[in-house]
Amino acid sequence: MSVKRIDLNLCIGCKECYTVCPMDVFRFDSVAKKSVIAYPENCQSCGQCYLNCPGRSITIVNEMTGYSITSYRATTTARNAKSETTK
């Protein structure tokens, strides 16, 4: 089981899923003002994101969901790597 986005347009940008997730599955895109399911493979199906989502934009599905690296993950990883090398 894994978290899955029903409709990104339903996300109201409240950061509840980002805040309550114990497995750090979500990131928040401050430009789009939406949560991003960045690490679905880390989902432990606790349902906290689903229960706390006021916009009902996410659900828990029976199949395991995983994605190839997203553009968000790629840019975040590249940015973090760059900041690590400048320290």
C-alpha atoms as a PDB file:
ATOM      1  CA  MET A   1       0.000   0.000   0.000  1.00  0.00           C
ATOM      2  CA  SER A   2       1.152   3.494  -0.748  1.00  0.00           C
ATOM      3  CA  VAL A   3       0.060   7.114  -0.883  1.00  0.00           C
ATOM      4  CA  LYS A   4      -1.203   8.444  -4.200  1.00  0.00           C
ATOM      5  CA  ARG A   5      -2.392  11.835  -5.401  1.00  0.00           C
ATOM      6  CA  ILE A   6      -6.048  11.942  -6.472  1.00  0.00           C
ATOM      7  CA  ASP A   7      -5.936  15.438  -7.942  1.00  0.00           C
ATOM      8  CA  LEU A   8      -3.247  18.071  -7.416  1.00  0.00           C
ATOM      9  CA  ASN A   9      -5.845  20.801  -7.962  1.00  0.00           C
ATOM     10  CA  LEU A  10      -7.568  19.670  -4.750  1.00  0.00           C
ATOM     11  CA  CYS A  11      -4.416  20.393  -2.724  1.00  0.00           C
ATOM     12  CA  ILE A  12      -4.977  23.636  -0.805  1.00  0.00           C
ATOM     13  CA  GLY A  13      -1.346  24.012   0.282  1.00  0.00           C
ATOM     14  CA  CYS A  14      -1.982  23.618   4.002  1.00  0.00           C
ATOM     15  CA  LYS A  15       1.136  21.420   4.565  1.00  0.00           C
ATOM     16  CA  GLU A  16      -0.788  18.974   6.778  1.00  0.00           C
ATOM     17  CA  CYS A  17       0.480  15.911   4.902  1.00  0.00           C
ATOM     18  CA  TYR A  18       4.008  17.332   4.954  1.00  0.00           C
ATOM     19  CA  THR A  19       3.767  17.939   8.700  1.00  0.00           C
ATOM     20  CA  VAL A  20       2.126  14.703   9.871  1.00  0.00           C
ATOM     21  CA  CYS A  21       3.997  12.171   7.713  1.00  0.00           C
ATOM     22  CA  PRO A  22       6.379  10.186   9.960  1.00  0.00           C
ATOM     23  CA  MET A  23       8.298   8.815   6.952  1.00  0.00           C
ATOM     24  CA  ASP A  24       9.121  12.147   5.258  1.00  0.00           C
ATOM     25  CA  VAL A  25       7.307  11.179   2.032  1.00  0.00           C
ATOM     26  CA  PHE A  26       6.197  14.730   1.217  1.00  0.00           C
ATOM     27  CA  ARG A  27       7.993  17.904   0.273  1.00  0.00           C
ATOM     28  CA  PHE A  28       6.408  21.319  -0.143  1.00  0.00           C
ATOM     29  CA  ASP A  29       6.808  23.255  -3.363  1.00  0.00           C
ATOM     30  CA  SER A  30       6.795  26.867  -2.178  1.00  0.00           C
ATOM     31  CA  VAL A  31       6.483  28.194  -5.728  1.00  0.00           C
ATOM     32  CA  ALA A  32       3.381  26.149  -6.620  1.00  0.00           C
ATOM     33  CA  LYS A  33       2.120  26.237  -3.003  1.00  0.00           C
ATOM     34  CA  LYS A  34       1.386  22.493  -3.165  1.00  0.00           C
ATOM     35  CA  SER A  35       2.684  19.410  -1.404  1.00  0.00           C
ATOM     36  CA  VAL A  36       4.701  17.005  -3.512  1.00  0.00           C
ATOM     37  CA  ILE A  37       4.767  13.231  -3.041  1.00  0.00           C
ATOM     38  CA  ALA A  38       8.540  13.093  -3.380  1.00  0.00           C
ATOM     39  CA  TYR A  39       9.343   9.715  -1.804  1.00  0.00           C
ATOM     40  CA  PRO A  40       6.322   7.396  -2.210  1.00  0.00           C
ATOM     41  CA  GLU A  41       8.553   4.363  -1.752  1.00  0.00           C
ATOM     42  CA  ASN A  42       9.027   5.415   1.900  1.00  0.00           C
ATOM     43  CA  CYS A  43       5.274   5.321   2.599  1.00  0.00           C
ATOM     44  CA  GLN A  44       4.358   2.942   5.418  1.00  0.00           C
ATOM     45  CA  SER A  45       0.599   3.281   4.802  1.00  0.00           C
ATOM     46  CA  CYS A  46      -0.163   4.746   8.211  1.00  0.00           C
ATOM     47  CA  GLY A  47      -2.882   6.923   6.648  1.00  0.00           C
ATOM     48  CA  GLN A  48      -2.045  10.094   8.584  1.00  0.00           C
ATOM     49  CA  CYS A  49      -1.740  12.141   5.398  1.00  0.00           C
ATOM     50  CA  TYR A  50      -5.072  10.844   4.116  1.00  0.00           C
ATOM     51  CA  LEU A  51      -6.873  11.437   7.416  1.00  0.00           C
ATOM     52  CA  ASN A  52      -5.497  14.956   7.833  1.00  0.00           C
ATOM     53  CA  CYS A  53      -5.898  16.214   4.240  1.00  0.00           C
ATOM     54  CA  PRO A  54      -8.697  18.824   4.275  1.00  0.00           C
ATOM     55  CA  GLY A  55      -8.669  19.050   0.477  1.00  0.00           C
ATOM     56  CA  ARG A  56      -8.959  15.264   0.065  1.00  0.00           C
ATOM     57  CA  SER A  57      -6.302  15.380  -2.658  1.00  0.00           C
ATOM     58  CA  ILE A  58      -4.547  12.161  -1.604  1.00  0.00           C
ATOM     59  CA  THR A  59      -5.516   8.578  -0.947  1.00  0.00           C
ATOM     60  CA  ILE A  60      -3.979   5.277   0.049  1.00  0.00           C
ATOM     61  CA  VAL A  61      -3.977   2.625  -2.683  1.00  0.00           C
ATOM     62  CA  ASN A  62      -3.465  -1.131  -2.455  1.00  0.00           C
ATOM     63  CA  GLU A  63      -0.542  -1.313  -4.857  1.00  0.00           C
ATOM     64  CA  MET A  64       2.945  -0.093  -4.023  1.00  0.00           C
ATOM     65  CA  THR A  65       3.628   3.163  -5.820  1.00  0.00           C
ATOM     66  CA  GLY A  66       7.063   4.311  -6.795  1.00  0.00           C
ATOM     67  CA  TYR A  67       8.228   6.840  -9.316  1.00  0.00           C
ATOM     68  CA  SER A  68      11.440   7.448 -11.148  1.00  0.00           C
ATOM     69  CA  ILE A  69      13.256  10.509  -9.910  1.00  0.00           C
ATOM     70  CA  THR A  70      10.987  13.497 -10.328  1.00  0.00           C
ATOM     71  CA  SER A  71      12.125  16.884 -11.496  1.00  0.00           C
ATOM     72  CA  TYR A  72      11.493  18.133  -7.951  1.00  0.00           C
ATOM     73  CA  ARG A  73      13.747  15.452  -6.457  1.00  0.00           C
ATOM     74  CA  ALA A  74      16.380  16.045  -9.128  1.00  0.00           C
ATOM     75  CA  THR A  75      16.570  19.797  -8.536  1.00  0.00           C
ATOM     76  CA  THR A  76      16.478  19.387  -4.761  1.00  0.00           C
ATOM     77  CA  THR A  77      19.260  16.784  -4.852  1.00  0.00           C
ATOM     78  CA  ALA A  78      21.371  18.934  -7.154  1.00  0.00           C
ATOM     79  CA  ARG A  79      20.840  22.022  -4.998  1.00  0.00           C
ATOM     80  CA  ASN A  80      21.731  20.143  -1.809  1.00  0.00           C
ATOM     81  CA  ALA A  81      24.838  18.645  -3.402  1.00  0.00           C
ATOM     82  CA  LYS A  82      25.957  22.077  -4.542  1.00  0.00           C
ATOM     83  CA  SER A  83      25.464  23.586  -1.073  1.00  0.00           C
ATOM     84  CA  GLU A  84      27.411  20.699   0.502  1.00  0.00           C
ATOM     85  CA  THR A  85      30.417  21.301  -1.757  1.00  0.00           C
ATOM     86  CA  THR A  86      30.518  25.024  -0.953  1.00  0.00           C
ATOM     87  CA  LYS A  87      30.714  24.452   2.807  1.00  0.00           C
END
